[in-house]
N, C-alpha and C. Protein backbone atom coordinates (compact mmCIF):
# COMPACT_ATOMS: atom_id res chain seq x y z
N MET A 1 -40.62 148.70 84.29
CA MET A 1 -39.46 148.00 84.54
C MET A 1 -38.64 148.29 85.74
N ASN A 2 -38.66 149.72 86.00
CA ASN A 2 -38.07 150.14 87.18
C ASN A 2 -38.79 149.51 88.52
N ILE A 3 -40.09 149.30 88.42
CA ILE A 3 -40.82 148.75 89.67
C ILE A 3 -40.28 147.31 89.82
N LEU A 4 -40.05 146.48 88.97
CA LEU A 4 -39.45 145.11 89.14
C LEU A 4 -37.92 145.21 89.73
N LYS A 5 -37.16 146.10 89.27
CA LYS A 5 -35.93 146.32 89.84
C LYS A 5 -36.09 146.73 91.32
N GLU A 6 -36.83 147.65 91.65
CA GLU A 6 -37.11 147.98 93.01
C GLU A 6 -37.50 146.82 94.02
N LEU A 7 -38.45 146.04 93.39
CA LEU A 7 -38.87 144.93 94.12
C LEU A 7 -38.03 143.91 94.35
N PHE A 8 -37.09 143.59 93.30
CA PHE A 8 -35.90 142.70 93.43
C PHE A 8 -35.05 143.07 94.45
N ASN A 9 -34.71 144.43 94.66
CA ASN A 9 -33.78 144.95 95.56
C ASN A 9 -34.40 144.74 97.03
N LEU A 10 -35.76 144.72 97.02
CA LEU A 10 -36.12 144.46 98.44
C LEU A 10 -35.95 143.16 99.05
N VAL A 11 -35.80 142.19 98.13
CA VAL A 11 -35.49 140.77 98.61
C VAL A 11 -34.11 140.77 99.19
N PRO A 12 -34.04 140.28 100.32
CA PRO A 12 -32.57 140.15 101.04
C PRO A 12 -31.64 139.36 100.20
N GLN A 13 -30.43 139.77 100.16
CA GLN A 13 -29.53 139.08 99.26
C GLN A 13 -28.41 138.15 100.31
N ASN A 14 -27.92 137.19 99.77
CA ASN A 14 -26.78 136.28 100.59
C ASN A 14 -27.04 136.14 101.96
N GLY A 15 -26.07 136.62 102.77
CA GLY A 15 -26.19 136.41 104.15
C GLY A 15 -27.40 137.06 104.81
N ALA A 16 -28.06 138.09 104.22
CA ALA A 16 -29.24 138.78 104.77
C ALA A 16 -30.35 137.69 104.51
N LEU A 17 -30.36 136.92 103.67
CA LEU A 17 -31.44 136.09 103.38
C LEU A 17 -31.59 135.04 104.35
N LEU A 18 -30.50 134.66 105.12
CA LEU A 18 -30.56 133.61 106.18
C LEU A 18 -31.21 134.32 107.44
N SER A 19 -30.68 135.64 107.68
CA SER A 19 -31.19 136.35 108.86
C SER A 19 -32.84 136.70 108.43
N PHE A 20 -33.19 136.89 107.15
CA PHE A 20 -34.64 137.18 106.89
C PHE A 20 -35.43 135.86 107.26
N ASN A 21 -34.81 134.72 106.75
CA ASN A 21 -35.61 133.37 106.96
C ASN A 21 -35.78 133.18 108.55
N ILE A 22 -34.75 133.41 109.29
CA ILE A 22 -34.79 133.23 110.71
C ILE A 22 -35.93 134.03 111.38
N LYS A 23 -35.94 135.23 110.96
CA LYS A 23 -37.02 136.28 111.41
C LYS A 23 -38.33 135.89 110.86
N ILE A 24 -38.46 135.39 109.81
CA ILE A 24 -39.84 134.86 109.32
C ILE A 24 -40.27 133.57 110.11
N ASN A 25 -39.19 132.68 110.25
CA ASN A 25 -39.52 131.47 111.06
C ASN A 25 -39.95 131.76 112.51
N LEU A 26 -39.25 132.76 113.17
CA LEU A 26 -39.70 133.24 114.61
C LEU A 26 -41.09 133.83 114.63
N VAL A 27 -41.32 134.56 113.66
CA VAL A 27 -42.75 135.30 113.51
C VAL A 27 -43.78 134.16 113.34
N PHE A 28 -43.45 133.20 112.56
CA PHE A 28 -44.24 132.09 112.20
C PHE A 28 -44.70 131.18 113.35
N TYR A 29 -43.67 130.86 114.16
CA TYR A 29 -43.72 129.93 115.33
C TYR A 29 -44.35 130.82 116.37
N LEU A 30 -43.91 131.96 116.58
CA LEU A 30 -44.66 132.90 117.45
C LEU A 30 -46.12 132.99 117.25
N THR A 31 -46.58 133.05 115.91
CA THR A 31 -48.05 133.25 115.67
C THR A 31 -48.77 131.93 116.12
N ILE A 32 -48.18 130.81 115.65
CA ILE A 32 -48.96 129.47 115.82
C ILE A 32 -48.94 129.13 117.47
N PHE A 33 -47.90 129.67 118.21
CA PHE A 33 -47.84 129.52 119.52
C PHE A 33 -49.06 130.24 120.01
N ILE A 34 -49.14 131.63 119.73
CA ILE A 34 -50.24 132.47 120.33
C ILE A 34 -51.52 131.90 119.99
N ILE A 35 -51.82 131.39 118.71
CA ILE A 35 -53.06 130.86 118.38
C ILE A 35 -53.50 129.71 119.21
N VAL A 36 -52.57 128.68 119.43
CA VAL A 36 -52.93 127.56 120.28
C VAL A 36 -53.03 127.98 121.74
N PHE A 37 -52.29 128.86 122.17
CA PHE A 37 -52.20 129.26 123.53
C PHE A 37 -53.54 129.96 123.78
N LEU A 38 -53.90 130.89 123.12
CA LEU A 38 -55.22 131.63 123.29
C LEU A 38 -56.60 130.68 123.21
N GLU A 39 -56.49 129.66 122.16
CA GLU A 39 -57.48 128.76 121.97
C GLU A 39 -57.74 127.95 123.26
N ASN A 40 -56.67 127.67 123.97
CA ASN A 40 -56.70 126.89 125.24
C ASN A 40 -56.80 127.64 126.51
N ALA A 41 -56.69 128.96 126.36
CA ALA A 41 -56.42 129.85 127.64
C ALA A 41 -57.78 130.63 127.96
N ILE A 42 -58.35 131.01 126.84
CA ILE A 42 -59.60 132.00 127.09
C ILE A 42 -60.74 131.51 126.26
N ILE A 43 -61.91 131.41 127.04
CA ILE A 43 -63.19 130.83 126.30
C ILE A 43 -63.65 131.52 125.20
N PRO A 44 -63.49 132.83 125.01
CA PRO A 44 -63.86 133.48 123.90
C PRO A 44 -63.12 133.35 122.77
N ALA A 45 -61.98 132.70 123.04
CA ALA A 45 -61.12 132.50 121.54
C ALA A 45 -61.24 130.83 121.31
N PHE A 46 -62.23 130.22 121.66
CA PHE A 46 -62.49 128.74 121.41
C PHE A 46 -62.79 128.63 119.85
N PHE A 47 -63.01 129.75 119.25
CA PHE A 47 -63.26 129.58 117.88
C PHE A 47 -62.07 129.62 116.90
N LEU A 48 -60.77 129.67 117.54
CA LEU A 48 -59.60 129.68 116.91
C LEU A 48 -59.42 128.36 116.34
N PRO A 49 -58.71 128.11 115.31
CA PRO A 49 -58.61 126.85 114.49
C PRO A 49 -57.46 126.02 114.98
N GLY A 50 -57.59 125.46 116.35
CA GLY A 50 -56.65 124.67 116.82
C GLY A 50 -56.40 123.38 116.20
N ASP A 51 -57.47 122.49 116.09
CA ASP A 51 -57.33 121.20 115.44
C ASP A 51 -56.92 121.37 114.00
N SER A 52 -57.69 122.07 113.27
CA SER A 52 -57.22 122.29 111.78
C SER A 52 -55.87 122.76 111.58
N LEU A 53 -55.41 123.80 112.55
CA LEU A 53 -54.23 124.31 112.30
C LEU A 53 -53.15 123.16 112.71
N LEU A 54 -53.29 122.34 113.48
CA LEU A 54 -52.40 121.22 113.88
C LEU A 54 -52.30 120.30 112.60
N ILE A 55 -53.48 119.97 112.04
CA ILE A 55 -53.42 119.11 110.81
C ILE A 55 -52.57 119.83 109.65
N VAL A 56 -52.83 121.18 109.42
CA VAL A 56 -52.12 121.70 108.41
C VAL A 56 -50.67 121.84 108.68
N LEU A 57 -50.26 122.02 109.90
CA LEU A 57 -48.87 121.84 110.27
C LEU A 57 -48.32 120.67 110.10
N GLY A 58 -49.00 119.53 110.36
CA GLY A 58 -48.50 118.22 110.02
C GLY A 58 -48.21 117.97 108.61
N ILE A 59 -49.22 118.61 107.81
CA ILE A 59 -48.85 118.52 106.25
C ILE A 59 -47.49 119.27 105.83
N LEU A 60 -47.51 120.53 106.56
CA LEU A 60 -46.33 121.26 106.25
C LEU A 60 -45.04 120.68 106.73
N ILE A 61 -45.14 119.78 107.92
CA ILE A 61 -43.94 118.96 108.29
C ILE A 61 -43.67 117.89 107.24
N LYS A 62 -44.42 117.18 106.92
CA LYS A 62 -44.53 116.10 105.89
C LYS A 62 -43.87 116.65 104.56
N LYS A 63 -44.14 117.84 104.25
CA LYS A 63 -43.47 118.48 102.96
C LYS A 63 -42.17 118.90 103.32
N GLY A 64 -41.63 118.88 104.42
CA GLY A 64 -40.20 119.42 104.78
C GLY A 64 -40.12 120.89 104.93
N ILE A 65 -41.28 121.57 105.27
CA ILE A 65 -41.15 123.07 105.41
C ILE A 65 -40.93 123.41 106.84
N LEU A 66 -41.56 122.47 107.70
CA LEU A 66 -41.49 122.73 109.27
C LEU A 66 -40.68 121.69 109.83
N ASN A 67 -40.08 121.83 110.99
CA ASN A 67 -39.39 120.76 111.81
C ASN A 67 -40.43 120.15 112.78
N PHE A 68 -40.40 118.80 112.73
CA PHE A 68 -41.37 118.08 113.44
C PHE A 68 -41.16 118.30 114.97
N PHE A 69 -39.96 118.15 115.49
CA PHE A 69 -39.71 118.14 116.88
C PHE A 69 -39.81 119.64 117.56
N LEU A 70 -39.58 120.70 116.64
CA LEU A 70 -39.58 122.05 117.08
C LEU A 70 -41.12 122.40 117.22
N THR A 71 -41.88 121.96 116.05
CA THR A 71 -43.47 122.25 116.18
C THR A 71 -44.00 121.44 117.19
N LEU A 72 -43.74 120.40 117.50
CA LEU A 72 -44.47 119.44 118.50
C LEU A 72 -44.13 120.16 119.96
N SER A 73 -42.87 120.52 120.04
CA SER A 73 -42.46 121.21 121.37
C SER A 73 -43.10 122.50 121.66
N ILE A 74 -43.23 123.33 120.72
CA ILE A 74 -43.68 124.70 120.70
C ILE A 74 -45.24 124.47 120.84
N LEU A 75 -45.90 123.76 120.18
CA LEU A 75 -47.38 123.57 120.40
C LEU A 75 -47.75 122.83 121.75
N THR A 76 -47.03 121.88 122.05
CA THR A 76 -47.30 121.34 123.44
C THR A 76 -47.23 122.19 124.55
N ILE A 77 -46.20 123.05 124.45
CA ILE A 77 -45.96 124.10 125.51
C ILE A 77 -47.14 125.12 125.39
N ALA A 78 -47.37 125.61 124.26
CA ALA A 78 -48.55 126.46 124.02
C ALA A 78 -49.93 125.94 124.60
N ALA A 79 -50.22 124.78 124.22
CA ALA A 79 -51.47 124.18 124.71
C ALA A 79 -51.39 124.01 126.17
N SER A 80 -50.40 123.45 126.85
CA SER A 80 -50.41 123.23 128.27
C SER A 80 -50.38 124.58 129.07
N LEU A 81 -49.65 125.70 128.47
CA LEU A 81 -49.73 126.83 129.18
C LEU A 81 -51.18 127.53 129.20
N GLY A 82 -51.60 127.42 127.94
CA GLY A 82 -52.98 127.92 127.71
C GLY A 82 -54.10 127.26 128.84
N SER A 83 -53.93 125.82 128.94
CA SER A 83 -54.83 125.19 129.86
C SER A 83 -54.55 125.54 131.07
N TRP A 84 -53.33 125.76 131.48
CA TRP A 84 -52.98 126.23 132.81
C TRP A 84 -53.58 127.60 133.27
N VAL A 85 -53.45 128.42 132.18
CA VAL A 85 -54.25 129.78 132.55
C VAL A 85 -55.61 129.65 132.73
N SER A 86 -56.33 128.72 131.85
CA SER A 86 -57.59 128.45 132.14
C SER A 86 -57.85 127.86 133.58
N TYR A 87 -57.01 127.02 133.95
CA TYR A 87 -57.20 126.38 135.41
C TYR A 87 -57.03 127.47 136.28
N LEU A 88 -56.10 128.30 136.24
CA LEU A 88 -55.89 129.39 137.17
C LEU A 88 -57.08 130.31 137.27
N GLN A 89 -57.64 130.55 136.08
CA GLN A 89 -58.97 131.35 136.01
C GLN A 89 -59.80 130.60 136.90
N GLY A 90 -60.14 129.31 136.72
CA GLY A 90 -61.09 128.68 137.68
C GLY A 90 -60.72 128.75 139.11
N LYS A 91 -59.41 128.68 139.44
CA LYS A 91 -58.93 128.83 140.83
C LYS A 91 -59.43 130.28 141.39
N PHE A 92 -59.26 131.29 140.65
CA PHE A 92 -59.55 132.63 140.89
C PHE A 92 -61.09 132.74 141.13
N LEU A 93 -61.81 132.09 140.30
CA LEU A 93 -63.20 132.06 140.26
C LEU A 93 -63.73 131.44 141.50
N LEU A 94 -63.12 130.43 141.94
CA LEU A 94 -63.41 129.53 143.15
C LEU A 94 -63.35 130.51 144.37
N LYS A 95 -62.49 131.42 144.45
CA LYS A 95 -62.17 132.24 145.67
C LYS A 95 -63.02 133.56 145.37
N ASN A 96 -63.75 133.77 144.30
CA ASN A 96 -64.46 134.90 144.19
C ASN A 96 -65.92 134.54 143.49
N LYS A 97 -66.85 134.29 144.48
CA LYS A 97 -68.05 133.75 144.19
C LYS A 97 -68.84 134.63 143.32
N LYS A 98 -68.90 135.92 143.64
CA LYS A 98 -69.53 136.84 143.01
C LYS A 98 -69.11 137.02 141.49
N THR A 99 -67.76 137.05 141.27
CA THR A 99 -67.28 136.91 140.03
C THR A 99 -67.60 135.67 139.26
N LEU A 100 -67.57 134.45 139.96
CA LEU A 100 -68.11 133.32 139.28
C LEU A 100 -69.44 133.44 138.81
N LYS A 101 -70.33 134.11 139.63
CA LYS A 101 -71.87 134.16 139.09
C LYS A 101 -71.98 134.84 137.81
N GLY A 102 -71.07 135.96 137.96
CA GLY A 102 -71.31 136.82 136.68
C GLY A 102 -70.65 136.35 135.51
N TRP A 103 -69.60 135.43 135.66
CA TRP A 103 -68.79 134.73 134.58
C TRP A 103 -69.69 133.68 134.07
N MET A 104 -70.57 132.94 134.76
CA MET A 104 -71.40 132.07 134.42
C MET A 104 -72.44 132.52 133.57
N SER A 105 -72.78 133.79 133.79
CA SER A 105 -73.97 134.23 132.88
C SER A 105 -73.53 134.59 131.60
N TYR A 106 -72.32 134.57 131.19
CA TYR A 106 -71.77 134.81 129.81
C TYR A 106 -71.67 133.47 129.13
N LEU A 107 -71.50 132.29 129.93
CA LEU A 107 -71.30 131.09 129.07
C LEU A 107 -72.57 130.55 128.74
N PRO A 108 -72.72 129.84 127.57
CA PRO A 108 -73.79 129.14 127.08
C PRO A 108 -74.10 128.01 128.02
N SER A 109 -75.24 128.03 128.78
CA SER A 109 -75.51 127.06 129.94
C SER A 109 -75.42 125.56 129.53
N ARG A 110 -75.94 125.21 128.50
CA ARG A 110 -75.77 123.83 127.93
C ARG A 110 -74.44 123.34 127.76
N SER A 111 -73.46 124.34 127.19
CA SER A 111 -72.05 123.93 126.91
C SER A 111 -71.43 123.74 128.34
N TYR A 112 -71.64 124.76 129.25
CA TYR A 112 -71.01 124.59 130.61
C TYR A 112 -71.74 123.39 131.33
N GLN A 113 -72.88 123.25 131.16
CA GLN A 113 -73.27 121.87 131.95
C GLN A 113 -72.84 120.60 131.34
N ARG A 114 -72.56 120.63 130.06
CA ARG A 114 -72.04 119.42 129.43
C ARG A 114 -70.68 119.24 129.96
N ALA A 115 -69.86 120.34 129.82
CA ALA A 115 -68.44 120.18 130.42
C ALA A 115 -68.41 119.84 131.75
N SER A 116 -69.36 120.34 132.73
CA SER A 116 -69.22 120.02 134.08
C SER A 116 -69.70 118.71 134.16
N ASN A 117 -70.70 118.11 133.50
CA ASN A 117 -71.22 116.80 133.77
C ASN A 117 -70.03 115.81 133.21
N MET A 118 -69.30 116.20 132.34
CA MET A 118 -68.17 115.35 131.84
C MET A 118 -67.12 115.19 132.79
N PHE A 119 -66.88 116.36 133.44
CA PHE A 119 -65.79 116.40 134.69
C PHE A 119 -66.17 115.56 135.61
N ASN A 120 -67.42 115.80 136.32
CA ASN A 120 -67.81 115.06 137.42
C ASN A 120 -67.93 113.50 137.12
N LYS A 121 -68.35 113.16 135.94
CA LYS A 121 -68.59 111.76 135.60
C LYS A 121 -67.20 111.09 135.47
N HIS A 122 -66.34 111.78 134.70
CA HIS A 122 -65.05 111.13 134.43
C HIS A 122 -63.75 111.56 134.93
N GLY A 123 -63.90 112.62 135.81
CA GLY A 123 -62.67 113.14 136.46
C GLY A 123 -61.50 113.56 135.62
N LEU A 124 -60.28 112.97 135.97
CA LEU A 124 -59.13 113.45 135.26
C LEU A 124 -59.22 112.87 133.87
N LEU A 125 -59.77 111.68 133.56
CA LEU A 125 -59.96 111.18 132.18
C LEU A 125 -60.67 112.35 131.30
N ALA A 126 -61.44 113.08 131.90
CA ALA A 126 -62.29 114.13 131.10
C ALA A 126 -61.31 115.13 130.70
N LEU A 127 -60.29 115.48 131.36
CA LEU A 127 -59.34 116.52 130.81
C LEU A 127 -58.53 116.10 129.63
N PHE A 128 -58.25 114.67 129.63
CA PHE A 128 -57.54 114.12 128.40
C PHE A 128 -58.55 114.04 127.18
N ILE A 129 -59.88 113.60 127.55
CA ILE A 129 -60.81 113.45 126.44
C ILE A 129 -61.26 114.89 125.93
N SER A 130 -61.34 115.81 126.70
CA SER A 130 -61.73 117.13 126.37
C SER A 130 -60.72 117.77 125.47
N ARG A 131 -59.50 117.39 125.49
CA ARG A 131 -58.55 118.07 124.72
C ARG A 131 -58.90 117.91 123.25
N PHE A 132 -59.77 116.96 122.80
CA PHE A 132 -60.01 116.64 121.46
C PHE A 132 -61.39 117.24 121.09
N VAL A 133 -61.97 117.98 121.97
CA VAL A 133 -63.32 118.49 121.82
C VAL A 133 -63.29 119.96 121.82
N VAL A 134 -63.94 120.60 120.65
CA VAL A 134 -63.76 122.00 120.72
C VAL A 134 -64.66 122.60 121.84
N PHE A 135 -64.31 123.72 122.52
CA PHE A 135 -64.99 124.52 123.55
C PHE A 135 -64.62 123.60 124.98
N MET A 136 -64.80 122.40 124.82
CA MET A 136 -64.35 121.57 126.14
C MET A 136 -63.06 121.77 126.43
N ARG A 137 -62.21 121.96 125.26
CA ARG A 137 -60.65 121.99 125.53
C ARG A 137 -60.45 123.32 126.42
N THR A 138 -61.08 124.37 126.39
CA THR A 138 -61.09 125.60 126.95
C THR A 138 -61.78 125.60 128.20
N ALA A 139 -62.90 125.07 128.27
CA ALA A 139 -63.89 125.04 129.43
C ALA A 139 -63.49 124.22 130.54
N LEU A 140 -63.25 123.01 130.24
CA LEU A 140 -62.94 122.02 131.34
C LEU A 140 -61.77 122.31 132.33
N PRO A 141 -60.57 123.03 131.78
CA PRO A 141 -59.72 123.34 132.80
C PRO A 141 -60.21 124.36 133.88
N VAL A 142 -61.15 125.30 133.35
CA VAL A 142 -61.69 126.30 134.29
C VAL A 142 -62.60 125.55 135.30
N ILE A 143 -63.37 124.65 134.77
CA ILE A 143 -64.28 123.92 135.61
C ILE A 143 -63.37 123.11 136.78
N ALA A 144 -62.19 122.56 136.18
CA ALA A 144 -61.22 121.84 137.09
C ALA A 144 -60.66 122.71 138.25
N GLY A 145 -60.53 123.97 137.81
CA GLY A 145 -59.97 124.96 138.81
C GLY A 145 -61.13 125.33 139.77
N VAL A 146 -62.25 125.55 139.27
CA VAL A 146 -63.41 125.89 140.06
C VAL A 146 -63.91 124.65 140.99
N SER A 147 -63.55 123.37 140.60
CA SER A 147 -63.93 122.28 141.40
C SER A 147 -62.79 121.95 142.64
N GLY A 148 -61.64 122.76 142.55
CA GLY A 148 -60.62 122.71 143.38
C GLY A 148 -59.77 121.51 143.17
N LEU A 149 -59.62 121.12 141.99
CA LEU A 149 -58.66 119.90 141.64
C LEU A 149 -57.30 120.24 141.95
N ASP A 150 -56.69 119.30 142.56
CA ASP A 150 -55.27 119.52 142.83
C ASP A 150 -54.49 119.98 141.75
N SER A 151 -53.55 120.97 141.81
CA SER A 151 -52.68 121.54 140.81
C SER A 151 -51.82 120.65 140.29
N LEU A 152 -51.11 119.76 141.03
CA LEU A 152 -50.17 118.76 140.40
C LEU A 152 -50.86 117.75 139.59
N LYS A 153 -52.07 117.22 140.09
CA LYS A 153 -52.81 116.21 139.33
C LYS A 153 -53.18 116.89 137.91
N PHE A 154 -53.69 118.25 137.99
CA PHE A 154 -54.13 118.83 136.68
C PHE A 154 -53.02 118.81 135.96
N GLN A 155 -51.76 119.45 136.27
CA GLN A 155 -50.56 119.65 135.54
C GLN A 155 -50.03 118.36 134.80
N LEU A 156 -50.09 117.20 135.57
CA LEU A 156 -49.79 116.00 135.06
C LEU A 156 -50.72 115.66 133.72
N PHE A 157 -51.99 115.61 133.91
CA PHE A 157 -52.75 115.23 132.82
C PHE A 157 -52.95 116.26 131.74
N ASN A 158 -52.66 117.64 132.12
CA ASN A 158 -52.62 118.72 131.31
C ASN A 158 -51.48 118.54 130.26
N TRP A 159 -50.24 118.36 130.77
CA TRP A 159 -49.02 118.19 129.83
C TRP A 159 -49.08 116.84 128.93
N ILE A 160 -49.70 115.85 129.54
CA ILE A 160 -49.61 114.58 128.90
C ILE A 160 -50.79 114.70 127.79
N SER A 161 -52.04 115.28 128.11
CA SER A 161 -52.96 115.29 127.13
C SER A 161 -52.57 116.40 126.07
N SER A 162 -51.83 117.38 126.33
CA SER A 162 -51.36 118.45 125.40
C SER A 162 -50.52 117.76 124.42
N PHE A 163 -49.61 116.92 125.05
CA PHE A 163 -48.66 116.35 124.08
C PHE A 163 -49.31 115.29 123.22
N ILE A 164 -50.08 114.56 123.68
CA ILE A 164 -50.69 113.61 122.83
C ILE A 164 -51.66 114.27 121.78
N TRP A 165 -52.47 115.25 122.10
CA TRP A 165 -53.16 116.04 121.28
C TRP A 165 -52.43 116.60 120.00
N VAL A 166 -51.32 117.17 120.32
CA VAL A 166 -50.57 117.87 119.27
C VAL A 166 -50.03 116.78 118.59
N LEU A 167 -49.41 115.61 119.16
CA LEU A 167 -48.65 114.47 118.21
C LEU A 167 -49.70 113.87 117.43
N ILE A 168 -50.92 113.43 117.88
CA ILE A 168 -51.92 112.77 117.03
C ILE A 168 -52.33 113.62 115.87
N LEU A 169 -52.68 114.92 116.08
CA LEU A 169 -53.07 115.72 114.93
C LEU A 169 -51.97 116.20 113.93
N ILE A 170 -50.78 116.32 114.50
CA ILE A 170 -49.72 116.53 113.45
C ILE A 170 -49.49 115.27 112.83
N ILE A 171 -49.42 114.11 113.33
CA ILE A 171 -49.33 112.94 112.59
C ILE A 171 -50.52 112.74 111.56
N LEU A 172 -51.73 112.95 111.93
CA LEU A 172 -52.85 112.82 111.09
C LEU A 172 -52.61 113.84 109.83
N GLY A 173 -52.10 114.99 110.09
CA GLY A 173 -51.83 115.96 109.07
C GLY A 173 -50.77 115.34 108.06
N GLY A 174 -49.53 114.64 108.74
CA GLY A 174 -48.57 114.14 108.00
C GLY A 174 -49.12 112.92 106.99
N CYS A 175 -50.19 112.32 107.71
CA CYS A 175 -50.66 111.28 106.64
C CYS A 175 -51.46 111.78 105.72
N LEU A 176 -52.19 112.91 106.01
CA LEU A 176 -53.10 113.55 104.83
C LEU A 176 -52.17 114.20 103.81
N GLY A 177 -50.81 114.48 104.08
CA GLY A 177 -49.94 115.02 103.22
C GLY A 177 -49.49 114.21 102.08
N HIS A 178 -49.80 112.78 102.24
CA HIS A 178 -49.68 111.84 101.14
C HIS A 178 -50.73 111.85 100.26
N ILE A 179 -51.84 112.27 100.56
CA ILE A 179 -53.08 112.23 99.71
C ILE A 179 -53.05 113.28 98.61
N GLU A 180 -53.08 112.92 97.34
CA GLU A 180 -53.09 113.96 96.30
C GLU A 180 -54.54 114.62 95.97
N CYS A 181 -54.60 115.83 95.97
CA CYS A 181 -55.81 116.61 95.63
C CYS A 181 -56.10 116.48 94.12
N PHE A 182 -57.45 115.98 93.81
CA PHE A 182 -57.74 115.65 92.39
C PHE A 182 -58.50 116.88 91.86
N PHE A 183 -58.73 118.02 92.50
CA PHE A 183 -59.40 119.05 92.08
C PHE A 183 -58.86 120.38 92.08
């Protein structure tokens, strides 16, 4: 019985509860920001759950647990900044040919070739399309940087595609939030 009293005393009371909830929200939003940022920024992090995370967040928004506009804004910024970091990596690699060759040896050649072909064939449209394809979402901005794509053009397509990617998957999650689970 004493253990239950001690646990109850650990729960913040009255005004402290609001402070506690704000801290939890900040940690939560920071965590999802970092996950989406890393998935878009560095190739070894492509395994992070970007698409599925956005769908789950859409469900949480539909249930009233999260704020739609705050979540949309934070994750658009995270995805855009992550892709910009990838683009800057490509720009760095363009200037350092020796590093580029070493970096290329770590990539699965088939995946890199597929991303490169997609970029060469479709140009800026490929940046938009790749946002919806795992690994391509991370690799294509690097390829855009290596190819010497103009920064302004990249940023325009980067921010638009990030916004649309986050919006579509959050809305999809919200639609799935209506479906009842039967098991």
